[in-house]
Amino acid sequence: MGKRKSAAKPPPKKRMDKLDTVFSCPFCNHGSSVECRIDMKNLIGEANCRICQESFSTTVNALTEPIDM
């Protein structure tokens, strides 16, 4: 005679927290002043500081996140 199969529950799915899109500026050191935007249509990523008006733009791909810029 064989044993009964145990009713094992599947492991719970891990929830990924969203990454920040607002950072401190490396030029003026003002906290939460740099906002990152990614335009996947034109494949351009932009980071702009609201305080010192410094900006940076680069090309992006499908794996690029705001923290990467």
Protein backbone atom coordinates (compact mmCIF):
# COMPACT_ATOMS: atom_id res chain seq x y z
CA MET A 1 0.00 0.00 0.00
CA GLY A 2 1.19 3.49 -0.83
CA LYS A 3 1.09 6.67 1.20
CA ARG A 4 -1.29 9.49 0.46
CA LYS A 5 0.15 12.53 -1.24
CA SER A 6 0.53 15.55 0.99
CA ALA A 7 -1.34 18.69 0.03
CA ALA A 8 1.66 21.02 -0.24
CA LYS A 9 0.80 24.66 -0.81
CA PRO A 10 2.80 26.57 -3.43
CA PRO A 11 5.23 29.10 -1.95
CA PRO A 12 3.89 32.68 -1.75
CA LYS A 13 4.93 35.03 -4.53
CA LYS A 14 7.56 37.59 -3.60
CA ARG A 15 6.44 41.18 -4.00
CA MET A 16 8.97 43.52 -5.57
CA ASP A 17 9.05 47.04 -4.16
CA LYS A 18 9.16 49.84 -6.69
CA LEU A 19 12.44 51.71 -7.05
CA ASP A 20 12.68 55.42 -6.34
CA THR A 21 12.55 57.96 -9.17
CA VAL A 22 13.64 60.95 -7.02
CA PHE A 23 17.21 61.25 -5.73
CA SER A 24 19.61 63.75 -4.14
CA CYS A 25 21.63 65.91 -6.53
CA PRO A 26 25.36 65.08 -6.81
CA PHE A 27 26.16 68.70 -7.78
CA CYS A 28 24.28 70.78 -5.18
CA ASN A 29 23.72 67.96 -2.60
CA HIS A 30 20.09 68.95 -2.17
CA GLY A 31 17.96 65.99 -1.08
CA SER A 32 15.09 64.75 -3.26
CA SER A 33 15.66 67.31 -5.99
CA VAL A 34 16.63 65.13 -8.98
CA GLU A 35 13.75 63.62 -10.90
CA CYS A 36 14.38 60.86 -13.46
CA ARG A 37 12.13 60.26 -16.45
CA ILE A 38 12.46 57.48 -19.02
CA ASP A 39 10.88 57.82 -22.46
CA MET A 40 10.74 54.30 -23.91
CA LYS A 41 9.26 55.54 -27.22
CA ASN A 42 12.32 57.63 -28.04
CA LEU A 43 14.75 55.52 -25.92
CA ILE A 44 15.92 58.57 -23.93
CA GLY A 45 16.38 58.88 -20.17
CA GLU A 46 16.56 62.29 -18.49
CA ALA A 47 17.61 63.34 -14.98
CA ASN A 48 16.90 66.97 -13.99
CA CYS A 49 17.65 68.84 -10.75
CA ARG A 50 14.94 71.30 -9.71
CA ILE A 51 17.30 73.39 -7.58
CA CYS A 52 20.47 73.94 -9.63
CA GLN A 53 18.87 73.19 -13.06
CA GLU A 54 21.58 70.62 -13.88
CA SER A 55 20.42 68.00 -16.41
CA PHE A 56 21.68 64.72 -17.84
CA SER A 57 20.30 62.60 -20.67
CA THR A 58 21.34 59.24 -22.05
CA THR A 59 20.08 56.44 -24.25
CA VAL A 60 18.18 53.66 -22.51
CA ASN A 61 17.13 50.08 -23.20
CA ALA A 62 14.34 47.84 -21.90
CA LEU A 63 16.25 46.98 -18.70
CA THR A 64 17.11 50.55 -17.68
CA GLU A 65 15.68 51.78 -14.36
CA PRO A 66 15.73 55.37 -12.98
CA ILE A 67 18.38 54.39 -10.43
CA ASP A 68 20.72 53.36 -13.29
CA MET A 69 20.94 56.90 -14.66
